[in-house]
PDB file of N, CA and C in Angstrom:
ATOM      1  N   UNK A   1       1.027  -1.035  -0.177  1.00  0.00           N
ATOM      2  CA  UNK A   1       0.120   0.051  -0.027  1.00  0.00           C
ATOM      3  C   UNK A   1       0.844   1.246  -0.107  1.00  0.00           C
ATOM      4  N   UNK A   2       0.623   2.301  -0.690  1.00  0.00           N
ATOM      5  CA  UNK A   2       1.415   3.487  -1.013  1.00  0.00           C
ATOM      6  C   UNK A   2       0.917   4.400   0.212  1.00  0.00           C
ATOM      7  N   UNK A   3       1.964   5.324   0.669  1.00  0.00           N
ATOM      8  CA  UNK A   3       1.636   6.260   1.874  1.00  0.00           C
ATOM      9  C   UNK A   3       1.375   7.406   1.033  1.00  0.00           C
ATOM     10  N   UNK A   4       0.475   8.166   1.660  1.00  0.00           N
ATOM     11  CA  UNK A   4       0.323   9.498   1.025  1.00  0.00           C
ATOM     12  C   UNK A   4       1.045  10.708   1.450  1.00  0.00           C
ATOM     13  N   UNK A   5       1.638  11.382   0.673  1.00  0.00           N
ATOM     14  CA  UNK A   5       2.787  12.273   0.748  1.00  0.00           C
ATOM     15  C   UNK A   5       2.527  13.760   0.402  1.00  0.00           C
ATOM     16  N   UNK A   6       2.300  14.452   0.860  1.00  0.00           N
ATOM     17  CA  UNK A   6       1.718  15.783   0.753  1.00  0.00           C
ATOM     18  C   UNK A   6       2.557  16.328  -0.360  1.00  0.00           C
ATOM     19  N   UNK A   7       3.912  16.287  -0.111  1.00  0.00           N
ATOM     20  CA  UNK A   7       4.801  16.973  -1.299  1.00  0.00           C
ATOM     21  C   UNK A   7       4.713  16.327  -2.528  1.00  0.00           C
ATOM     22  N   UNK A   8       4.208  15.250  -2.732  1.00  0.00           N
ATOM     23  CA  UNK A   8       4.034  14.733  -4.120  1.00  0.00           C
ATOM     24  C   UNK A   8       2.545  15.136  -4.860  1.00  0.00           C
ATOM     25  N   UNK A   9       1.646  15.965  -4.140  1.00  0.00           N
ATOM     26  CA  UNK A   9       0.661  16.571  -4.555  1.00  0.00           C
ATOM     27  C   UNK A   9       0.945  17.675  -5.548  1.00  0.00           C
ATOM     28  N   UNK A  10       0.352  17.833  -6.533  1.00  0.00           N
ATOM     29  CA  UNK A  10       0.472  19.323  -7.546  1.00  0.00           C
ATOM     30  C   UNK A  10      -0.433  20.310  -6.894  1.00  0.00           C
ATOM     31  N   UNK A  11      -0.107  21.296  -6.816  1.00  0.00           N
ATOM     32  CA  UNK A  11      -0.912  22.298  -6.139  1.00  0.00           C
ATOM     33  C   UNK A  11      -1.059  23.428  -7.386  1.00  0.00           C
ATOM     34  N   UNK A  12      -2.360  24.362  -7.634  1.00  0.00           N
ATOM     35  CA  UNK A  12      -2.167  25.060  -8.688  1.00  0.00           C
ATOM     36  C   UNK A  12      -1.764  26.412  -7.866  1.00  0.00           C
ATOM     37  N   UNK A  13      -0.988  27.035  -8.115  1.00  0.00           N
ATOM     38  CA  UNK A  13      -0.458  28.528  -7.452  1.00  0.00           C
ATOM     39  C   UNK A  13       0.018  29.350  -8.592  1.00  0.00           C
ATOM     40  N   UNK A  14      -0.038  30.703  -8.175  1.00  0.00           N
ATOM     41  CA  UNK A  14       0.441  31.770  -9.211  1.00  0.00           C
ATOM     42  C   UNK A  14       1.898  31.721  -8.687  1.00  0.00           C
ATOM     43  N   UNK A  15       2.744  31.513  -9.539  1.00  0.00           N
ATOM     44  CA  UNK A  15       4.333  31.281  -9.557  1.00  0.00           C
ATOM     45  C   UNK A  15       4.904  32.697  -9.442  1.00  0.00           C
ATOM     46  N   UNK A  16       6.066  32.687  -9.244  1.00  0.00           N
ATOM     47  CA  UNK A  16       7.215  33.928  -9.158  1.00  0.00           C
ATOM     48  C   UNK A  16       7.831  33.693 -10.696  1.00  0.00           C
ATOM     49  N   UNK A  17       8.408  32.342 -10.678  1.00  0.00           N
ATOM     50  CA  UNK A  17       9.181  32.180 -11.853  1.00  0.00           C
ATOM     51  C   UNK A  17       8.240  32.192 -13.188  1.00  0.00           C
ATOM     52  N   UNK A  18       8.758  33.095 -14.272  1.00  0.00           N
ATOM     53  CA  UNK A  18       8.045  33.311 -15.424  1.00  0.00           C
ATOM     54  C   UNK A  18       6.960  34.412 -15.228  1.00  0.00           C
ATOM     55  N   UNK A  19       6.727  34.840 -14.216  1.00  0.00           N
ATOM     56  CA  UNK A  19       5.799  35.941 -13.853  1.00  0.00           C
ATOM     57  C   UNK A  19       5.901  37.080 -14.841  1.00  0.00           C
ATOM     58  N   UNK A  20       4.699  37.476 -15.546  1.00  0.00           N
ATOM     59  CA  UNK A  20       4.536  38.670 -16.238  1.00  0.00           C
ATOM     60  C   UNK A  20       3.802  39.821 -15.420  1.00  0.00           C
ATOM     61  N   UNK A  21       2.619  39.240 -14.935  1.00  0.00           N
ATOM     62  CA  UNK A  21       1.736  40.331 -14.438  1.00  0.00           C
ATOM     63  C   UNK A  21       1.408  39.934 -12.915  1.00  0.00           C
ATOM     64  N   UNK A  22       0.889  38.923 -12.786  1.00  0.00           N
ATOM     65  CA  UNK A  22       0.306  38.102 -11.328  1.00  0.00           C
ATOM     66  C   UNK A  22       0.716  36.740 -11.352  1.00  0.00           C
ATOM     67  N   UNK A  23       1.425  36.092 -12.109  1.00  0.00           N
ATOM     68  CA  UNK A  23       1.648  34.701 -12.344  1.00  0.00           C
ATOM     69  C   UNK A  23       0.571  33.705 -12.537  1.00  0.00           C
ATOM     70  N   UNK A  24      -0.596  34.157 -12.713  1.00  0.00           N
ATOM     71  CA  UNK A  24      -1.500  33.398 -13.287  1.00  0.00           C
ATOM     72  C   UNK A  24      -1.135  32.316 -14.302  1.00  0.00           C
ATOM     73  N   UNK A  25      -0.772  32.783 -15.398  1.00  0.00           N
ATOM     74  CA  UNK A  25      -0.461  32.054 -16.680  1.00  0.00           C
ATOM     75  C   UNK A  25       0.714  30.891 -16.347  1.00  0.00           C
ATOM     76  N   UNK A  26       1.827  31.527 -15.835  1.00  0.00           N
ATOM     77  CA  UNK A  26       2.821  30.773 -15.497  1.00  0.00           C
ATOM     78  C   UNK A  26       2.617  29.584 -14.263  1.00  0.00           C
ATOM     79  N   UNK A  27       1.569  29.727 -13.446  1.00  0.00           N
ATOM     80  CA  UNK A  27       1.321  28.790 -12.597  1.00  0.00           C
ATOM     81  C   UNK A  27       0.417  27.814 -13.046  1.00  0.00           C
ATOM     82  N   UNK A  28      -0.571  28.160 -13.951  1.00  0.00           N
ATOM     83  CA  UNK A  28      -1.445  27.053 -14.940  1.00  0.00           C
ATOM     84  C   UNK A  28      -0.459  26.230 -15.739  1.00  0.00           C
ATOM     85  N   UNK A  29       0.413  27.171 -16.410  1.00  0.00           N
ATOM     86  CA  UNK A  29       1.273  26.438 -17.138  1.00  0.00           C
ATOM     87  C   UNK A  29       2.191  25.369 -16.549  1.00  0.00           C
ATOM     88  N   UNK A  30       2.619  25.734 -15.527  1.00  0.00           N
ATOM     89  CA  UNK A  30       3.201  24.793 -14.750  1.00  0.00           C
ATOM     90  C   UNK A  30       2.640  23.668 -13.921  1.00  0.00           C
ATOM     91  N   UNK A  31       1.417  23.890 -13.803  1.00  0.00           N
ATOM     92  CA  UNK A  31       0.404  22.911 -13.245  1.00  0.00           C
ATOM     93  C   UNK A  31      -0.008  21.900 -14.110  1.00  0.00           C
ATOM     94  N   UNK A  32      -0.229  22.252 -15.475  1.00  0.00           N
ATOM     95  CA  UNK A  32      -0.598  21.404 -16.579  1.00  0.00           C
ATOM     96  C   UNK A  32       0.550  20.809 -17.273  1.00  0.00           C
ATOM     97  N   UNK A  33       1.694  21.212 -17.410  1.00  0.00           N
ATOM     98  CA  UNK A  33       2.675  21.029 -18.109  1.00  0.00           C
ATOM     99  C   UNK A  33       2.946  21.383 -19.366  1.00  0.00           C
ATOM    100  N   UNK A  34       2.405  22.561 -19.398  1.00  0.00           N
ATOM    101  CA  UNK A  34       2.654  23.369 -20.666  1.00  0.00           C
ATOM    102  C   UNK A  34       3.306  24.743 -20.413  1.00  0.00           C
ATOM    103  N   UNK A  35       3.772  25.243 -21.600  1.00  0.00           N
ATOM    104  CA  UNK A  35       4.562  26.458 -21.773  1.00  0.00           C
ATOM    105  C   UNK A  35       3.392  27.556 -21.472  1.00  0.00           C
ATOM    106  N   UNK A  36       3.777  28.492 -20.409  1.00  0.00           N
ATOM    107  CA  UNK A  36       3.058  29.620 -20.047  1.00  0.00           C
ATOM    108  C   UNK A  36       2.581  30.393 -21.189  1.00  0.00           C
ATOM    109  N   UNK A  37       3.495  30.605 -22.179  1.00  0.00           N
ATOM    110  CA  UNK A  37       2.926  31.366 -23.185  1.00  0.00           C
ATOM    111  C   UNK A  37       2.068  30.986 -24.118  1.00  0.00           C
ATOM    112  N   UNK A  38       1.705  29.695 -24.162  1.00  0.00           N
ATOM    113  CA  UNK A  38       0.512  29.022 -24.935  1.00  0.00           C
ATOM    114  C   UNK A  38      -0.815  29.438 -23.967  1.00  0.00           C
ATOM    115  N   UNK A  39      -0.716  29.477 -22.750  1.00  0.00           N
ATOM    116  CA  UNK A  39      -1.789  30.040 -21.822  1.00  0.00           C
ATOM    117  C   UNK A  39      -2.022  31.577 -22.204  1.00  0.00           C
ATOM    118  N   UNK A  40      -1.098  32.121 -22.250  1.00  0.00           N
ATOM    119  CA  UNK A  40      -1.261  33.767 -22.553  1.00  0.00           C
ATOM    120  C   UNK A  40      -1.770  34.043 -23.992  1.00  0.00           C
ATOM    121  N   UNK A  41      -1.454  33.340 -24.987  1.00  0.00           N
ATOM    122  CA  UNK A  41      -2.028  33.421 -26.239  1.00  0.00           C
ATOM    123  C   UNK A  41      -3.318  33.202 -26.139  1.00  0.00           C
ATOM    124  N   UNK A  42      -3.755  32.111 -25.464  1.00  0.00           N
ATOM    125  CA  UNK A  42      -5.140  31.778 -25.376  1.00  0.00           C
ATOM    126  C   UNK A  42      -6.235  32.471 -24.844  1.00  0.00           C
ATOM    127  N   UNK A  43      -5.441  33.191 -23.752  1.00  0.00           N
ATOM    128  CA  UNK A  43      -6.165  34.208 -22.970  1.00  0.00           C
ATOM    129  C   UNK A  43      -6.326  35.513 -23.879  1.00  0.00           C
ATOM    130  N   UNK A  44      -5.227  35.947 -24.479  1.00  0.00           N
ATOM    131  CA  UNK A  44      -5.262  36.890 -25.406  1.00  0.00           C
ATOM    132  C   UNK A  44      -6.492  36.568 -26.660  1.00  0.00           C
ATOM    133  N   UNK A  45      -6.486  35.542 -27.280  1.00  0.00           N
ATOM    134  CA  UNK A  45      -7.522  35.362 -28.186  1.00  0.00           C
ATOM    135  C   UNK A  45      -8.798  35.598 -27.553  1.00  0.00           C
ATOM    136  N   UNK A  46      -9.076  34.897 -26.410  1.00  0.00           N
ATOM    137  CA  UNK A  46     -10.375  34.871 -25.855  1.00  0.00           C
ATOM    138  C   UNK A  46     -10.673  36.401 -25.254  1.00  0.00           C
ATOM    139  N   UNK A  47      -9.767  37.367 -25.151  1.00  0.00           N
ATOM    140  CA  UNK A  47      -9.795  38.828 -24.775  1.00  0.00           C
ATOM    141  C   UNK A  47     -10.464  39.504 -26.260  1.00  0.00           C
ATOM    142  N   UNK A  48      -9.768  39.064 -27.278  1.00  0.00           N
ATOM    143  CA  UNK A  48     -10.132  39.724 -28.467  1.00  0.00           C
ATOM    144  C   UNK A  48     -11.707  39.343 -28.980  1.00  0.00           C
ATOM    145  N   UNK A  49     -12.013  38.210 -28.679  1.00  0.00           N
ATOM    146  CA  UNK A  49     -13.403  37.741 -28.976  1.00  0.00           C
ATOM    147  C   UNK A  49     -14.292  37.479 -27.919  1.00  0.00           C
ATOM    148  N   UNK A  50     -14.387  38.617 -27.415  1.00  0.00           N
ATOM    149  CA  UNK A  50     -15.686  38.638 -26.344  1.00  0.00           C
ATOM    150  C   UNK A  50     -15.195  39.381 -25.111  1.00  0.00           C
ATOM    151  N   UNK A  51     -13.813  39.530 -24.877  1.00  0.00           N
ATOM    152  CA  UNK A  51     -13.133  39.955 -23.371  1.00  0.00           C
ATOM    153  C   UNK A  51     -13.418  38.927 -22.450  1.00  0.00           C
ATOM    154  N   UNK A  52     -13.684  37.718 -22.448  1.00  0.00           N
ATOM    155  CA  UNK A  52     -13.643  36.427 -21.800  1.00  0.00           C
ATOM    156  C   UNK A  52     -12.283  36.496 -21.084  1.00  0.00           C
ATOM    157  N   UNK A  53     -11.144  36.588 -21.753  1.00  0.00           N
ATOM    158  CA  UNK A  53      -9.600  36.208 -21.329  1.00  0.00           C
ATOM    159  C   UNK A  53      -9.534  37.001 -20.309  1.00  0.00           C
ATOM    160  N   UNK A  54      -9.739  38.268 -19.933  1.00  0.00           N
ATOM    161  CA  UNK A  54      -9.646  39.443 -18.914  1.00  0.00           C
ATOM    162  C   UNK A  54     -10.194  38.868 -17.551  1.00  0.00           C
ATOM    163  N   UNK A  55     -11.525  38.424 -17.892  1.00  0.00           N
ATOM    164  CA  UNK A  55     -12.539  37.695 -16.500  1.00  0.00           C
ATOM    165  C   UNK A  55     -11.832  36.679 -16.147  1.00  0.00           C
ATOM    166  N   UNK A  56     -11.396  35.582 -16.944  1.00  0.00           N
ATOM    167  CA  UNK A  56     -10.966  34.480 -16.527  1.00  0.00           C
ATOM    168  C   UNK A  56      -9.572  34.764 -15.627  1.00  0.00           C
ATOM    169  N   UNK A  57      -8.556  35.482 -16.409  1.00  0.00           N
ATOM    170  CA  UNK A  57      -7.247  35.963 -15.681  1.00  0.00           C
ATOM    171  C   UNK A  57      -7.650  36.649 -14.359  1.00  0.00           C
ATOM    172  N   UNK A  58      -8.595  37.630 -14.186  1.00  0.00           N
ATOM    173  CA  UNK A  58      -8.895  38.318 -12.848  1.00  0.00           C
ATOM    174  C   UNK A  58      -9.386  37.282 -11.879  1.00  0.00           C
ATOM    175  N   UNK A  59     -10.399  36.318 -12.489  1.00  0.00           N
ATOM    176  CA  UNK A  59     -10.638  35.097 -11.348  1.00  0.00           C
ATOM    177  C   UNK A  59      -9.685  34.336 -11.052  1.00  0.00           C
ATOM    178  N   UNK A  60      -8.477  34.083 -11.926  1.00  0.00           N
ATOM    179  CA  UNK A  60      -7.606  33.208 -11.243  1.00  0.00           C
ATOM    180  C   UNK A  60      -6.632  33.735 -10.323  1.00  0.00           C
ATOM    181  N   UNK A  61      -6.504  35.142 -10.281  1.00  0.00           N
ATOM    182  CA  UNK A  61      -5.754  35.967  -9.805  1.00  0.00           C
ATOM    183  C   UNK A  61      -6.307  35.971  -8.441  1.00  0.00           C
ATOM    184  N   UNK A  62      -7.553  36.024  -8.313  1.00  0.00           N
ATOM    185  CA  UNK A  62      -8.482  36.090  -7.068  1.00  0.00           C
ATOM    186  C   UNK A  62      -8.430  35.022  -6.222  1.00  0.00           C
ATOM    187  N   UNK A  63      -8.466  33.745  -6.836  1.00  0.00           N
ATOM    188  CA  UNK A  63      -8.640  32.449  -6.572  1.00  0.00           C
ATOM    189  C   UNK A  63      -7.336  31.695  -6.258  1.00  0.00           C
ATOM    190  N   UNK A  64      -6.343  31.818  -7.168  1.00  0.00           N
ATOM    191  CA  UNK A  64      -5.202  31.112  -7.002  1.00  0.00           C
ATOM    192  C   UNK A  64      -4.218  31.821  -5.697  1.00  0.00           C
ATOM    193  N   UNK A  65      -4.094  30.815  -4.944  1.00  0.00           N
ATOM    194  CA  UNK A  65      -3.015  31.554  -3.904  1.00  0.00           C
ATOM    195  C   UNK A  65      -1.453  31.682  -4.581  1.00  0.00           C
ATOM    196  N   UNK A  66      -0.851  32.359  -3.943  1.00  0.00           N
ATOM    197  CA  UNK A  66       0.617  32.800  -4.626  1.00  0.00           C
ATOM    198  C   UNK A  66       1.275  31.730  -4.146  1.00  0.00           C
ATOM    199  N   UNK A  67       2.550  31.211  -4.828  1.00  0.00           N
ATOM    200  CA  UNK A  67       3.320  30.201  -4.167  1.00  0.00           C
ATOM    201  C   UNK A  67       4.109  30.265  -2.824  1.00  0.00           C
ATOM    202  N   UNK A  68       3.664  31.572  -2.388  1.00  0.00           N
ATOM    203  CA  UNK A  68       4.496  31.763  -0.992  1.00  0.00           C
ATOM    204  C   UNK A  68       3.273  31.764   0.054  1.00  0.00           C
ATOM    205  N   UNK A  69       1.929  31.458  -0.236  1.00  0.00           N
ATOM    206  CA  UNK A  69       0.876  31.693   0.630  1.00  0.00           C
ATOM    207  C   UNK A  69       0.031  30.182   0.527  1.00  0.00           C
ATOM    208  N   UNK A  70      -0.641  30.204   1.534  1.00  0.00           N
ATOM    209  CA  UNK A  70      -1.639  28.966   1.487  1.00  0.00           C
ATOM    210  C   UNK A  70      -3.172  29.335   1.258  1.00  0.00           C
ATOM    211  N   UNK A  71      -3.317  30.740   1.281  1.00  0.00           N
ATOM    212  CA  UNK A  71      -4.450  31.116   0.754  1.00  0.00           C
ATOM    213  C   UNK A  71      -4.609  32.100  -0.318  1.00  0.00           C
ATOM    214  N   UNK A  72      -5.826  32.324  -0.637  1.00  0.00           N
ATOM    215  CA  UNK A  72      -5.827  33.183  -1.915  1.00  0.00           C
ATOM    216  C   UNK A  72      -6.424  34.287  -1.547  1.00  0.00           C
ATOM    217  N   UNK A  73      -6.504  35.542  -2.348  1.00  0.00           N
ATOM    218  CA  UNK A  73      -6.647  36.772  -2.086  1.00  0.00           C
ATOM    219  C   UNK A  73      -8.217  36.888  -1.611  1.00  0.00           C
ATOM    220  N   UNK A  74      -9.042  36.129  -2.249  1.00  0.00           N
ATOM    221  CA  UNK A  74     -10.490  36.200  -1.803  1.00  0.00           C
ATOM    222  C   UNK A  74     -10.614  35.622  -0.295  1.00  0.00           C
ATOM    223  N   UNK A  75      -9.987  34.082  -0.169  1.00  0.00           N
ATOM    224  CA  UNK A  75      -9.869  33.696   1.083  1.00  0.00           C
ATOM    225  C   UNK A  75      -9.256  34.560   2.347  1.00  0.00           C
ATOM    226  N   UNK A  76      -8.406  35.451   1.981  1.00  0.00           N
ATOM    227  CA  UNK A  76      -7.904  36.377   2.958  1.00  0.00           C
ATOM    228  C   UNK A  76      -9.010  37.627   3.421  1.00  0.00           C
ATOM    229  N   UNK A  77      -9.600  37.951   2.259  1.00  0.00           N
ATOM    230  CA  UNK A  77     -10.549  38.823   2.556  1.00  0.00           C
ATOM    231  C   UNK A  77     -11.683  38.484   3.250  1.00  0.00           C
ATOM    232  N   UNK A  78     -11.993  37.133   3.064  1.00  0.00           N
ATOM    233  CA  UNK A  78     -13.235  36.562   3.784  1.00  0.00           C
ATOM    234  C   UNK A  78     -12.754  36.391   5.150  1.00  0.00           C
ATOM    235  N   UNK A  79     -11.706  36.063   5.400  1.00  0.00           N
ATOM    236  CA  UNK A  79     -11.471  35.597   6.818  1.00  0.00           C
ATOM    237  C   UNK A  79     -11.172  36.920   7.579  1.00  0.00           C
ATOM    238  N   UNK A  80     -10.639  37.970   6.836  1.00  0.00           N
ATOM    239  CA  UNK A  80     -10.637  39.283   7.309  1.00  0.00           C
ATOM    240  C   UNK A  80     -12.019  39.781   7.845  1.00  0.00           C
ATOM    241  N   UNK A  81     -13.004  39.666   6.846  1.00  0.00           N
ATOM    242  CA  UNK A  81     -14.104  40.293   7.128  1.00  0.00           C
ATOM    243  C   UNK A  81     -15.076  39.528   8.282  1.00  0.00           C
ATOM    244  N   UNK A  82     -14.783  38.144   8.291  1.00  0.00           N
ATOM    245  CA  UNK A  82     -15.418  37.266   9.681  1.00  0.00           C
ATOM    246  C   UNK A  82     -14.684  37.628  10.761  1.00  0.00           C
ATOM    247  N   UNK A  83     -13.281  38.066  10.766  1.00  0.00           N
ATOM    248  CA  UNK A  83     -12.573  38.422  12.100  1.00  0.00           C
ATOM    249  C   UNK A  83     -13.128  39.793  12.640  1.00  0.00           C
ATOM    250  N   UNK A  84     -13.352  40.793  11.646  1.00  0.00           N
ATOM    251  CA  UNK A  84     -14.274  42.011  11.801  1.00  0.00           C
ATOM    252  C   UNK A  84     -15.489  41.790  12.788  1.00  0.00           C
ATOM    253  N   UNK A  85     -16.281  40.823  11.983  1.00  0.00           N
ATOM    254  CA  UNK A  85     -17.525  40.589  12.727  1.00  0.00           C
ATOM    255  C   UNK A  85     -17.663  40.248  14.059  1.00  0.00           C
ATOM    256  N   UNK A  86     -16.453  39.387  14.393  1.00  0.00           N
ATOM    257  CA  UNK A  86     -16.683  38.565  15.692  1.00  0.00           C
ATOM    258  C   UNK A  86     -15.849  39.468  16.805  1.00  0.00           C
ATOM    259  N   UNK A  87     -15.461  40.653  16.503  1.00  0.00           N
ATOM    260  CA  UNK A  87     -14.710  41.589  17.533  1.00  0.00           C
ATOM    261  C   UNK A  87     -13.188  41.265  17.601  1.00  0.00           C
ATOM    262  N   UNK A  88     -12.690  40.659  16.526  1.00  0.00           N
ATOM    263  CA  UNK A  88     -11.379  40.579  16.385  1.00  0.00           C
ATOM    264  C   UNK A  88     -10.977  41.738  15.296  1.00  0.00           C
ATOM    265  N   UNK A  89      -9.861  42.580  15.544  1.00  0.00           N
ATOM    266  CA  UNK A  89      -9.316  43.216  14.919  1.00  0.00           C
ATOM    267  C   UNK A  89      -8.334  42.633  13.807  1.00  0.00           C
ATOM    268  N   UNK A  90      -7.679  43.381  12.759  1.00  0.00           N
ATOM    269  CA  UNK A  90      -6.525  42.622  11.932  1.00  0.00           C
ATOM    270  C   UNK A  90      -5.533  42.030  12.660  1.00  0.00           C
ATOM    271  N   UNK A  91      -5.283  42.503  13.551  1.00  0.00           N
ATOM    272  CA  UNK A  91      -3.933  41.910  14.249  1.00  0.00           C
ATOM    273  C   UNK A  91      -4.257  40.362  14.840  1.00  0.00           C
ATOM    274  N   UNK A  92      -5.537  40.327  14.878  1.00  0.00           N
ATOM    275  CA  UNK A  92      -6.169  38.864  15.717  1.00  0.00           C
ATOM    276  C   UNK A  92      -6.390  39.146  17.245  1.00  0.00           C
ATOM    277  N   UNK A  93      -6.342  40.398  17.652  1.00  0.00           N
ATOM    278  CA  UNK A  93      -6.666  40.371  19.109  1.00  0.00           C
ATOM    279  C   UNK A  93      -8.162  40.681  19.035  1.00  0.00           C
ATOM    280  N   UNK A  94      -8.570  40.063  20.327  1.00  0.00           N
ATOM    281  CA  UNK A  94      -9.947  40.405  20.572  1.00  0.00           C
ATOM    282  C   UNK A  94     -10.244  41.569  21.346  1.00  0.00           C
ATOM    283  N   UNK A  95     -11.187  42.414  20.981  1.00  0.00           N
ATOM    284  CA  UNK A  95     -11.617  43.859  21.205  1.00  0.00           C
ATOM    285  C   UNK A  95     -12.926  43.660  22.013  1.00  0.00           C
ATOM    286  N   UNK A  96     -13.112  44.353  23.007  1.00  0.00           N
ATOM    287  CA  UNK A  96     -14.562  44.325  23.591  1.00  0.00           C
ATOM    288  C   UNK A  96     -15.692  44.978  22.745  1.00  0.00           C
ATOM    289  N   UNK A  97     -16.883  44.479  22.508  1.00  0.00           N
ATOM    290  CA  UNK A  97     -17.958  44.982  21.763  1.00  0.00           C
ATOM    291  C   UNK A  97     -18.575  46.183  22.543  1.00  0.00           C
ATOM    292  N   UNK A  98     -18.936  47.123  21.710  1.00  0.00           N
ATOM    293  CA  UNK A  98     -19.467  48.311  22.595  1.00  0.00           C
ATOM    294  C   UNK A  98     -20.922  48.046  22.700  1.00  0.00           C
TER     295      UNK A  98
END
C-alpha cells in the first residue's frame, strides 16, 4: 500500500518564476505541464473575441494562492471580514464589543 505524501501533490499556485503580471498563466502552465506562453496566447485570443480572457485572468488572480501563501486573495478577504464581525481586529486580538 502506498503512503500519501503531501509533497507529491501538485498544487495550482501563482508562480514567481516566469511571472509577467500576477503569475496566473505561469502557474497554470506549470500545473498542466505546458508553456505559459500558450496560456497567454489563449487568453489574448479569448480577450479579443468577447473579452472573456480578462475575466478568466482576474478570477485566477483572485482564487489562486501565491506560491508563498496557503490562501488566495479571496480567502484572505473573507477571513478578515469574518474576524471583523467577531470583535477581532486585523492583528487577531479580541476587542470588547461596545
